[in-house]
């Protein structure tokens, strides 16, 4: 999984005015990102992030982002910015996730934490204000999670936002559905044959 450019946090005022950008990361300075981002040491087996443009890109230098380099691992990384208030203003949080392999089960979330976060001890249960990102697990779960912390409780929005699939994934899902339909038809034919055989046997017994 690749978290490419840009990771952007900003406020848009309700009146016509220039938006204020509080945090923006484009990973354009090589290994300089390691000075701005802190890896959690809460677990010794957290996966390692690397800087990469991935398997496909428009511009190899400008399209670089943080890539999860190891399969079947959890990852935890954070960067600080100045505290702010978005009272009476529209908050925009934007980032991009690029899956370069067919995902069986995995998520890629961005979270906004309170400034009390201990970055070196960040983990899945660390308090956060906003969380969103794709959640994929098996054929039944392909959606974007959006969760807000309200009065100490994590509240999931009641709108179902589906993940956008790559063409290869859509074709694979289509093939799976066709195979499933064929299996169901074969099973129906088998049941009909068994019913006919049973009826014939009953007739012979009569």
C-alpha atoms as a PDB file:
ATOM      1  CA  UNK A   1       0.000   0.000   0.000  1.00  0.00           C
ATOM      2  CA  UNK A   2       1.254   3.471  -0.862  1.00  0.00           C
ATOM      3  CA  UNK A   3       0.254   6.727   0.817  1.00  0.00           C
ATOM      4  CA  UNK A   4       1.173   9.139  -1.981  1.00  0.00           C
ATOM      5  CA  UNK A   5       1.089  12.918  -2.167  1.00  0.00           C
ATOM      6  CA  UNK A   6      -0.452  14.977  -0.829  1.00  0.00           C
ATOM      7  CA  UNK A   7      -1.426  14.576   2.795  1.00  0.00           C
ATOM      8  CA  UNK A   8      -3.263  17.806   3.410  1.00  0.00           C
ATOM      9  CA  UNK A   9      -5.031  19.332   6.368  1.00  0.00           C
ATOM     10  CA  UNK A  10      -6.715  22.682   5.982  1.00  0.00           C
ATOM     11  CA  UNK A  11      -9.612  24.919   6.906  1.00  0.00           C
ATOM     12  CA  UNK A  12     -12.003  26.528   4.472  1.00  0.00           C
ATOM     13  CA  UNK A  13     -13.805  29.572   5.845  1.00  0.00           C
ATOM     14  CA  UNK A  14     -17.544  29.986   5.408  1.00  0.00           C
ATOM     15  CA  UNK A  15     -16.915  33.394   3.860  1.00  0.00           C
ATOM     16  CA  UNK A  16     -14.952  34.121   0.702  1.00  0.00           C
ATOM     17  CA  UNK A  17     -11.362  34.057   1.914  1.00  0.00           C
ATOM     18  CA  UNK A  18      -8.080  32.294   1.314  1.00  0.00           C
ATOM     19  CA  UNK A  19      -8.070  28.843   2.947  1.00  0.00           C
ATOM     20  CA  UNK A  20      -5.624  28.253   5.783  1.00  0.00           C
ATOM     21  CA  UNK A  21      -3.451  25.153   5.411  1.00  0.00           C
ATOM     22  CA  UNK A  22      -2.288  23.804   8.767  1.00  0.00           C
ATOM     23  CA  UNK A  23      -0.436  20.767   7.536  1.00  0.00           C
ATOM     24  CA  UNK A  24       0.761  19.633   4.124  1.00  0.00           C
ATOM     25  CA  UNK A  25       3.163  16.827   3.249  1.00  0.00           C
ATOM     26  CA  UNK A  26       4.386  16.062  -0.267  1.00  0.00           C
ATOM     27  CA  UNK A  27       7.595  14.111   0.494  1.00  0.00           C
ATOM     28  CA  UNK A  28       9.631  16.139  -2.009  1.00  0.00           C
ATOM     29  CA  UNK A  29      12.873  16.380  -0.020  1.00  0.00           C
ATOM     30  CA  UNK A  30      14.113  12.802  -0.082  1.00  0.00           C
ATOM     31  CA  UNK A  31      14.755  11.402   3.374  1.00  0.00           C
ATOM     32  CA  UNK A  32      13.851  14.743   4.978  1.00  0.00           C
ATOM     33  CA  UNK A  33      10.454  13.304   5.921  1.00  0.00           C
ATOM     34  CA  UNK A  34      12.143  11.220   8.639  1.00  0.00           C
ATOM     35  CA  UNK A  35      12.802  14.443  10.588  1.00  0.00           C
ATOM     36  CA  UNK A  36       9.115  15.403  10.511  1.00  0.00           C
ATOM     37  CA  UNK A  37       7.524  12.013  11.101  1.00  0.00           C
ATOM     38  CA  UNK A  38       7.845   9.838  14.199  1.00  0.00           C
ATOM     39  CA  UNK A  39       7.488   6.061  14.106  1.00  0.00           C
ATOM     40  CA  UNK A  40       5.700   4.487  17.056  1.00  0.00           C
ATOM     41  CA  UNK A  41       7.666   2.039  19.189  1.00  0.00           C
ATOM     42  CA  UNK A  42       4.574   0.693  20.959  1.00  0.00           C
ATOM     43  CA  UNK A  43       5.077  -2.658  19.221  1.00  0.00           C
ATOM     44  CA  UNK A  44       8.416  -4.107  18.178  1.00  0.00           C
ATOM     45  CA  UNK A  45       6.925  -5.733  15.078  1.00  0.00           C
ATOM     46  CA  UNK A  46       5.384  -2.638  13.478  1.00  0.00           C
ATOM     47  CA  UNK A  47       6.012  -2.590   9.717  1.00  0.00           C
ATOM     48  CA  UNK A  48       8.566  -0.297   8.093  1.00  0.00           C
ATOM     49  CA  UNK A  49       7.628   2.663   5.891  1.00  0.00           C
ATOM     50  CA  UNK A  50       9.817   3.471   2.878  1.00  0.00           C
ATOM     51  CA  UNK A  51       9.744   6.374   0.419  1.00  0.00           C
ATOM     52  CA  UNK A  52       8.647   5.220  -3.032  1.00  0.00           C
ATOM     53  CA  UNK A  53       6.663   6.210  -6.116  1.00  0.00           C
ATOM     54  CA  UNK A  54       5.358   2.655  -6.303  1.00  0.00           C
ATOM     55  CA  UNK A  55       4.883   0.446  -9.333  1.00  0.00           C
ATOM     56  CA  UNK A  56       3.079   3.040 -11.454  1.00  0.00           C
ATOM     57  CA  UNK A  57       3.246   6.837 -11.403  1.00  0.00           C
ATOM     58  CA  UNK A  58       3.084   9.965 -13.531  1.00  0.00           C
ATOM     59  CA  UNK A  59       6.286  11.589 -12.264  1.00  0.00           C
ATOM     60  CA  UNK A  60       8.675   9.380 -10.296  1.00  0.00           C
ATOM     61  CA  UNK A  61      10.018  12.257  -8.185  1.00  0.00           C
ATOM     62  CA  UNK A  62       6.793  14.184  -7.566  1.00  0.00           C
ATOM     63  CA  UNK A  63       4.579  11.136  -7.004  1.00  0.00           C
ATOM     64  CA  UNK A  64       6.546   9.649  -4.124  1.00  0.00           C
ATOM     65  CA  UNK A  65       4.853   8.776  -0.866  1.00  0.00           C
ATOM     66  CA  UNK A  66       5.205   6.470   2.117  1.00  0.00           C
ATOM     67  CA  UNK A  67       4.916   2.816   1.186  1.00  0.00           C
ATOM     68  CA  UNK A  68       4.122  -0.048   3.551  1.00  0.00           C
ATOM     69  CA  UNK A  69       6.997  -2.363   2.662  1.00  0.00           C
ATOM     70  CA  UNK A  70       6.038  -5.557   4.523  1.00  0.00           C
ATOM     71  CA  UNK A  71       2.939  -7.723   4.210  1.00  0.00           C
ATOM     72  CA  UNK A  72       0.696  -8.657   7.141  1.00  0.00           C
ATOM     73  CA  UNK A  73       1.995  -5.917   9.464  1.00  0.00           C
ATOM     74  CA  UNK A  74       0.514  -3.013  11.399  1.00  0.00           C
ATOM     75  CA  UNK A  75       1.992   0.445  10.801  1.00  0.00           C
ATOM     76  CA  UNK A  76       2.007   3.561  12.976  1.00  0.00           C
ATOM     77  CA  UNK A  77       3.532   6.916  12.039  1.00  0.00           C
ATOM     78  CA  UNK A  78       2.650  10.482  13.010  1.00  0.00           C
ATOM     79  CA  UNK A  79       3.671  14.110  12.451  1.00  0.00           C
ATOM     80  CA  UNK A  80       2.914  17.177  14.572  1.00  0.00           C
ATOM     81  CA  UNK A  81       1.445  20.528  13.592  1.00  0.00           C
ATOM     82  CA  UNK A  82       0.263  23.569  15.508  1.00  0.00           C
ATOM     83  CA  UNK A  83      -3.039  23.151  17.431  1.00  0.00           C
ATOM     84  CA  UNK A  84      -6.031  24.906  15.853  1.00  0.00           C
ATOM     85  CA  UNK A  85      -9.788  25.340  16.192  1.00  0.00           C
ATOM     86  CA  UNK A  86     -12.233  24.809  13.345  1.00  0.00           C
ATOM     87  CA  UNK A  87     -15.232  26.211  15.195  1.00  0.00           C
ATOM     88  CA  UNK A  88     -17.772  27.619  12.690  1.00  0.00           C
ATOM     89  CA  UNK A  89     -15.494  26.627   9.807  1.00  0.00           C
ATOM     90  CA  UNK A  90     -15.325  23.741   7.358  1.00  0.00           C
ATOM     91  CA  UNK A  91     -12.419  21.398   7.989  1.00  0.00           C
ATOM     92  CA  UNK A  92     -10.878  19.581   5.020  1.00  0.00           C
ATOM     93  CA  UNK A  93      -8.712  16.513   5.588  1.00  0.00           C
ATOM     94  CA  UNK A  94      -7.400  14.939   2.406  1.00  0.00           C
ATOM     95  CA  UNK A  95      -5.018  12.117   1.590  1.00  0.00           C
ATOM     96  CA  UNK A  96      -4.531   9.498  -1.092  1.00  0.00           C
ATOM     97  CA  UNK A  97      -4.105   5.727  -0.797  1.00  0.00           C
ATOM     98  CA  UNK A  98      -2.857   3.628  -3.706  1.00  0.00           C
ATOM     99  CA  UNK A  99      -3.221  -0.153  -3.388  1.00  0.00           C
ATOM    100  CA  UNK A 100      -0.789  -1.881  -5.734  1.00  0.00           C
ATOM    101  CA  UNK A 101      -1.755  -5.443  -4.895  1.00  0.00           C
ATOM    102  CA  UNK A 102      -5.073  -7.201  -4.479  1.00  0.00           C
ATOM    103  CA  UNK A 103      -5.935  -6.720  -0.813  1.00  0.00           C
ATOM    104  CA  UNK A 104      -7.481  -9.649   1.046  1.00  0.00           C
ATOM    105  CA  UNK A 105      -7.862  -7.834   4.345  1.00  0.00           C
ATOM    106  CA  UNK A 106      -6.370  -4.509   5.371  1.00  0.00           C
ATOM    107  CA  UNK A 107      -7.000  -0.854   6.156  1.00  0.00           C
ATOM    108  CA  UNK A 108      -5.209   2.427   5.511  1.00  0.00           C
ATOM    109  CA  UNK A 109      -6.375   5.135   7.891  1.00  0.00           C
ATOM    110  CA  UNK A 110      -5.368   8.689   8.683  1.00  0.00           C
ATOM    111  CA  UNK A 111      -6.199  10.024  12.158  1.00  0.00           C
ATOM    112  CA  UNK A 112      -6.231  13.467  13.734  1.00  0.00           C
ATOM    113  CA  UNK A 113      -5.049  13.205  17.334  1.00  0.00           C
ATOM    114  CA  UNK A 114      -5.222  15.649  20.236  1.00  0.00           C
ATOM    115  CA  UNK A 115      -1.912  17.363  21.011  1.00  0.00           C
ATOM    116  CA  UNK A 116      -1.544  15.155  24.098  1.00  0.00           C
ATOM    117  CA  UNK A 117      -0.562  12.181  21.897  1.00  0.00           C
ATOM    118  CA  UNK A 118       2.668  10.401  22.832  1.00  0.00           C
ATOM    119  CA  UNK A 119       3.927   9.783  19.304  1.00  0.00           C
ATOM    120  CA  UNK A 120       6.443   7.105  20.252  1.00  0.00           C
ATOM    121  CA  UNK A 121       3.678   5.134  22.011  1.00  0.00           C
ATOM    122  CA  UNK A 122       0.915   5.621  19.435  1.00  0.00           C
ATOM    123  CA  UNK A 123      -1.244   2.527  18.895  1.00  0.00           C
ATOM    124  CA  UNK A 124      -4.701   1.422  17.778  1.00  0.00           C
ATOM    125  CA  UNK A 125      -6.370   2.464  21.036  1.00  0.00           C
ATOM    126  CA  UNK A 126      -4.795   5.935  21.207  1.00  0.00           C
ATOM    127  CA  UNK A 127      -7.446   8.648  21.544  1.00  0.00           C
ATOM    128  CA  UNK A 128      -8.197  10.480  18.294  1.00  0.00           C
ATOM    129  CA  UNK A 129     -10.617  13.144  17.031  1.00  0.00           C
ATOM    130  CA  UNK A 130     -11.148  12.052  13.424  1.00  0.00           C
ATOM    131  CA  UNK A 131     -10.336   8.842  11.574  1.00  0.00           C
ATOM    132  CA  UNK A 132     -11.027   7.920   7.983  1.00  0.00           C
ATOM    133  CA  UNK A 133      -9.680   5.733   5.209  1.00  0.00           C
ATOM    134  CA  UNK A 134     -10.342   2.567   3.219  1.00  0.00           C
ATOM    135  CA  UNK A 135     -11.227  -0.709   4.943  1.00  0.00           C
ATOM    136  CA  UNK A 136     -11.102  -3.849   2.798  1.00  0.00           C
ATOM    137  CA  UNK A 137     -11.679  -7.370   4.090  1.00  0.00           C
ATOM    138  CA  UNK A 138     -12.912 -10.197   1.890  1.00  0.00           C
ATOM    139  CA  UNK A 139     -15.686  -9.755  -0.689  1.00  0.00           C
ATOM    140  CA  UNK A 140     -18.136  -8.263   1.818  1.00  0.00           C
ATOM    141  CA  UNK A 141     -16.208  -5.257   3.158  1.00  0.00           C
ATOM    142  CA  UNK A 142     -14.950  -2.583   0.761  1.00  0.00           C
ATOM    143  CA  UNK A 143     -15.746   0.807   2.246  1.00  0.00           C
ATOM    144  CA  UNK A 144     -14.307   4.045   3.582  1.00  0.00           C
ATOM    145  CA  UNK A 145     -14.460   4.336   7.362  1.00  0.00           C
ATOM    146  CA  UNK A 146     -15.289   7.791   8.740  1.00  0.00           C
ATOM    147  CA  UNK A 147     -15.324   8.099  12.529  1.00  0.00           C
ATOM    148  CA  UNK A 148     -15.598  11.186  14.749  1.00  0.00           C
ATOM    149  CA  UNK A 149     -14.879  11.345  18.452  1.00  0.00           C
ATOM    150  CA  UNK A 150     -17.818  13.114  20.118  1.00  0.00           C
ATOM    151  CA  UNK A 151     -17.900  13.635  23.873  1.00  0.00           C
ATOM    152  CA  UNK A 152     -15.459  10.798  24.432  1.00  0.00           C
ATOM    153  CA  UNK A 153     -17.222   8.308  22.163  1.00  0.00           C
ATOM    154  CA  UNK A 154     -16.167   7.205  18.676  1.00  0.00           C
ATOM    155  CA  UNK A 155     -19.148   7.699  16.357  1.00  0.00           C
ATOM    156  CA  UNK A 156     -19.257   6.017  12.936  1.00  0.00           C
ATOM    157  CA  UNK A 157     -21.164   7.887  10.224  1.00  0.00           C
ATOM    158  CA  UNK A 158     -24.311   6.109   9.025  1.00  0.00           C
ATOM    159  CA  UNK A 159     -23.568   6.637   5.327  1.00  0.00           C
ATOM    160  CA  UNK A 160     -21.967   3.739   3.447  1.00  0.00           C
ATOM    161  CA  UNK A 161     -19.073   5.015   1.305  1.00  0.00           C
ATOM    162  CA  UNK A 162     -17.770   2.363  -1.055  1.00  0.00           C
ATOM    163  CA  UNK A 163     -14.088   2.084  -1.947  1.00  0.00           C
ATOM    164  CA  UNK A 164     -13.221   2.810  -5.548  1.00  0.00           C
ATOM    165  CA  UNK A 165     -11.786  -0.339  -7.102  1.00  0.00           C
ATOM    166  CA  UNK A 166      -9.052  -0.707  -9.660  1.00  0.00           C
ATOM    167  CA  UNK A 167     -10.092  -2.149 -13.025  1.00  0.00           C
ATOM    168  CA  UNK A 168      -8.269  -5.405 -12.253  1.00  0.00           C
ATOM    169  CA  UNK A 169     -10.196  -5.790  -8.984  1.00  0.00           C
ATOM    170  CA  UNK A 170     -13.531  -5.099 -10.690  1.00  0.00           C
ATOM    171  CA  UNK A 171     -12.756  -7.753 -13.319  1.00  0.00           C
ATOM    172  CA  UNK A 172     -11.674 -10.220 -10.615  1.00  0.00           C
ATOM    173  CA  UNK A 173     -14.899  -9.589  -8.659  1.00  0.00           C
ATOM    174  CA  UNK A 174     -16.908 -10.031 -11.873  1.00  0.00           C
ATOM    175  CA  UNK A 175     -15.175 -13.357 -12.547  1.00  0.00           C
ATOM    176  CA  UNK A 176     -15.848 -14.462  -8.956  1.00  0.00           C
ATOM    177  CA  UNK A 177     -19.542 -13.571  -9.312  1.00  0.00           C
ATOM    178  CA  UNK A 178     -19.768 -15.468 -12.615  1.00  0.00           C
ATOM    179  CA  UNK A 179     -18.067 -18.509 -11.072  1.00  0.00           C
ATOM    180  CA  UNK A 180     -20.462 -18.307  -8.118  1.00  0.00           C
ATOM    181  CA  UNK A 181     -23.477 -18.134 -10.451  1.00  0.00           C
ATOM    182  CA  UNK A 182     -22.188 -21.141 -12.414  1.00  0.00           C
ATOM    183  CA  UNK A 183     -21.667 -23.106  -9.193  1.00  0.00           C
ATOM    184  CA  UNK A 184     -25.209 -22.258  -8.064  1.00  0.00           C
ATOM    185  CA  UNK A 185     -26.617 -23.331 -11.451  1.00  0.00           C
ATOM    186  CA  UNK A 186     -24.681 -26.608 -11.266  1.00  0.00           C
ATOM    187  CA  UNK A 187     -26.011 -27.174  -7.753  1.00  0.00           C
ATOM    188  CA  UNK A 188     -29.586 -26.458  -8.898  1.00  0.00           C
ATOM    189  CA  UNK A 189     -29.196 -28.885 -11.825  1.00  0.00           C
ATOM    190  CA  UNK A 190     -27.831 -31.515  -9.456  1.00  0.00           C
ATOM    191  CA  UNK A 191     -30.797 -31.065  -7.093  1.00  0.00           C
ATOM    192  CA  UNK A 192     -33.253 -31.336 -10.020  1.00  0.00           C
ATOM    193  CA  UNK A 193     -31.575 -34.554 -11.199  1.00  0.00           C
ATOM    194  CA  UNK A 194     -31.762 -35.986  -7.694  1.00  0.00           C
ATOM    195  CA  UNK A 195     -35.462 -35.074  -7.462  1.00  0.00           C
ATOM    196  CA  UNK A 196     -36.168 -36.743 -10.819  1.00  0.00           C
ATOM    197  CA  UNK A 197     -34.252 -39.863  -9.771  1.00  0.00           C
ATOM    198  CA  UNK A 198     -36.202 -39.961  -6.504  1.00  0.00           C
ATOM    199  CA  UNK A 199     -39.531 -39.600  -8.321  1.00  0.00           C
ATOM    200  CA  UNK A 200     -38.600 -42.394 -10.724  1.00  0.00           C
ATOM    201  CA  UNK A 201     -37.615 -44.665  -7.872  1.00  0.00           C
ATOM    202  CA  UNK A 202     -40.887 -43.982  -6.045  1.00  0.00           C
ATOM    203  CA  UNK A 203     -42.845 -44.779  -9.224  1.00  0.00           C
ATOM    204  CA  UNK A 204     -40.982 -48.071  -9.605  1.00  0.00           C
ATOM    205  CA  UNK A 205     -41.780 -48.992  -6.018  1.00  0.00           C
ATOM    206  CA  UNK A 206     -45.476 -48.307  -6.609  1.00  0.00           C
END
